[in-house]
Amino acid sequence: MNTVRQLAFLSALLGTLSGCVTATVQQVRQTETAMAEGDSIVVLGRRNRPSQAEAELDFIDCVSRNIAGGNDGLQVITEQEFMDAMFPWFEPRTAPLNTTDLPGLLQEPLLASRLREIGLKYLVWVEGSTKRTAQAGTLSCTLTAAGGGCFGFLSWENDSSYEASVWDAHTAKTAGRVSSDAAGTSYMPALVVPIPLIARVQNSACASMATQLKDFVQNSS
């Protein structure tokens, strides 16, 4: 009974912990920026990438939600709303492959007119990914007539690296770039029951980028 209680206590204690994450953000400004009443912003990712990886699409949604949230939230047009309003320019088959394609596209007369109609001030183009960079340890599980369990210890490191190019939809010029990098180590100790202690690396990179983008588009200094 004591062993059971000890395991229960250990599980509860570890369940309150999480992996370690460090995050850094940087920005490079090329022009002054400001948001006026009625102005909106959209965050986009490459729509015609070979693999529509759910995590990367989630990152775009995460940045958009964080920019729109809080007391200092901005008016955000979601990626899907933007694609619908700008059809067919930003559909997967016709969307620009690189930011070098954006100036000419944003100056397309009909597209520029639609951008003004929806009040778009800044288009944010995000590139990057989250990858597992290392893994160590072992974990084994057994099942017998008397019961079963898992024993061992695993750890792994994830690295998130993203860069956002901020484009002024009115001038069709880039205003600057914001980068967000996060790295973290997750752990999974197992003493009968595996207990994952996950480092929320991608979430940290998302929150850091959204905070920096809010500041970037509203303040020119």
Foldseek 3Di string as FASTA:
>chain_A
DVVVVVVVVVLVVLLVFAWDKDKDKDKDFDFFFADDPQAEEEEDEQLQDPDPDPVVVVLRVLLQVLCQDDPLHGHYDYPVNVCVLQPPCCHNVRDDPDLVPQLVVLPPVVSVVSCVVNRYFKYKYKDWDKDWDDKDKDKDKDADPVGIFMAIKIKTKMKTKMKIWIAGSNNSHTRIMMIMIMMIMWMWGIDRHTRTRYDPGSSVSSNVRSVVVSCRNHGRD
